[in-house]
Protein backbone atom coordinates (compact mmCIF):
# COMPACT_ATOMS: atom_id res chain seq x y z
CA MET A 1 0.04 -0.39 -0.08
CA TYR A 2 0.59 3.57 -0.25
CA HIS A 3 -0.01 7.16 1.78
CA ASP A 4 1.39 10.34 1.79
CA ASN A 5 1.28 10.44 5.53
CA HIS A 6 3.10 7.27 6.54
CA PRO A 7 6.54 7.74 7.54
CA ASP A 8 7.52 5.55 4.37
CA GLY A 9 5.13 6.02 1.77
CA ASP A 10 4.93 2.15 1.33
CA TYR A 11 3.99 0.12 3.72
CA GLN A 12 2.68 -3.38 3.89
CA MET A 13 -0.56 -4.78 5.86
CA ALA A 14 -1.83 -7.81 7.07
CA ASN A 15 -5.64 -7.81 7.22
CA ARG A 16 -7.66 -10.14 9.84
CA VAL A 17 -10.96 -10.96 9.16
CA GLU A 18 -13.61 -10.51 12.17
CA VAL A 19 -16.75 -10.43 10.09
CA PHE A 20 -17.69 -13.07 6.87
CA ASP A 21 -21.10 -13.17 6.46
CA PRO A 22 -21.25 -13.65 2.60
CA PRO A 23 -23.58 -12.15 0.57
CA ARG A 24 -24.21 -9.96 3.61
CA ALA A 25 -21.10 -8.67 5.23
CA ILE A 26 -17.53 -8.53 5.09
CA ALA A 27 -15.53 -6.51 8.14
CA TRP A 28 -11.33 -6.22 8.83
CA GLN A 29 -9.05 -5.02 10.82
CA PRO A 30 -5.70 -3.97 9.42
CA GLY A 31 -2.23 -5.03 10.69
CA GLN A 32 1.23 -4.50 10.71
CA ASP A 33 4.31 -6.34 11.35
CA GLY A 34 5.69 -5.05 14.63
CA PRO A 35 9.44 -4.84 15.88
CA ASP A 36 9.30 -8.36 17.62
CA GLY A 37 7.62 -9.91 14.24
CA ASP A 38 4.34 -10.39 15.42
CA ILE A 39 1.38 -8.61 13.62
CA GLY A 40 0.07 -5.72 15.83
CA TYR A 41 -3.55 -4.29 15.05
CA GLY A 42 -4.08 -0.77 15.73
CA GLY A 43 -7.77 -0.71 17.08
CA TRP A 44 -9.56 0.43 13.58
CA PHE A 45 -11.44 -1.67 11.20
CA TRP A 46 -12.93 -1.61 8.00
CA ARG A 47 -16.71 -3.03 6.90
CA TYR A 48 -18.85 -3.93 4.13
CA ASP A 49 -22.67 -4.21 4.59
CA LEU A 50 -24.31 -5.23 1.24
CA THR A 51 -28.01 -5.21 0.99
CA PRO A 52 -29.72 -5.87 -2.48
CA VAL A 53 -32.25 -3.63 -3.65
CA ALA A 54 -32.93 -4.89 -6.82
CA PRO A 55 -32.11 -8.14 -8.66
CA ASP A 56 -29.03 -5.96 -10.22
CA GLN A 57 -28.62 -3.75 -7.76
CA THR A 58 -26.86 -3.56 -3.54
CA GLN A 59 -26.26 -0.73 -1.34
CA VAL A 60 -23.30 -0.66 0.13
CA THR A 61 -22.47 0.83 2.96
CA LEU A 62 -19.05 1.16 4.31
CA THR A 63 -18.19 1.72 8.06
CA TYR A 64 -14.40 2.63 9.23
CA ASP A 65 -14.25 2.73 12.86
CA TRP A 66 -11.27 3.49 14.76
CA SER A 67 -13.25 4.74 18.09
CA ALA A 68 -10.97 1.74 19.56
CA VAL A 69 -7.05 3.04 18.83
CA PRO A 70 -4.98 4.00 21.46
CA GLN A 71 -4.08 7.18 22.57
CA GLN A 72 -0.21 6.71 21.52
CA THR A 73 -1.27 5.59 18.27
CA ARG A 74 -3.38 8.60 17.72
CA GLU A 75 -0.63 10.68 19.08
CA HIS A 76 1.75 9.32 16.15
CA ILE A 77 -0.99 8.56 13.11
CA GLN A 78 -3.88 11.53 12.83
CA PHE A 79 -7.30 9.93 12.71
CA PRO A 80 -8.99 9.80 10.71
CA PRO A 81 -5.65 9.41 8.71
CA PHE A 82 -7.30 10.40 5.25
CA PRO A 83 -10.27 12.36 3.76
CA LEU A 84 -13.86 11.34 3.40
CA ALA A 85 -13.37 11.52 -0.06
CA HIS A 86 -10.87 8.42 0.04
CA LEU A 87 -13.62 6.38 1.49
CA GLU A 88 -16.07 7.42 -1.46
CA ASN A 89 -13.44 6.27 -3.89
CA SER A 90 -12.85 2.92 -1.85
CA LEU A 91 -16.90 2.61 -2.63
CA THR A 92 -16.33 3.94 -6.23
CA HIS A 93 -13.65 0.76 -6.77
CA LEU A 94 -15.21 -1.61 -5.42
CA ALA A 95 -18.37 -0.62 -7.47
CA SER A 96 -15.81 -0.78 -10.79
CA LEU A 97 -14.73 -4.43 -9.64
CA ALA A 98 -18.32 -5.81 -9.26
CA GLY A 99 -19.57 -3.71 -12.43
CA ALA A 100 -16.40 -5.94 -13.81
CA ARG A 101 -18.03 -9.24 -13.21
């Protein structure tokens, strides 16, 4: 991945799936390798909830929750770490991937 506000710019993530309820929901916590080699999770998660609205349409609700991020992490990484447009781009990208199928 890449983020302008990340100290290294490029970085790798290890996601842990927390909810997998096809075709209704998926949620995951992003994590990264810590200094001890173990994957650490920062207290935030992403979730997509899908609700059929027509035979060829699905409403997608994206939740990005960082309420459990420890204060020490909040001092190191400003939350939210990106603007609302980033979340909108995520939904646009998901729609593009789904439309390609």
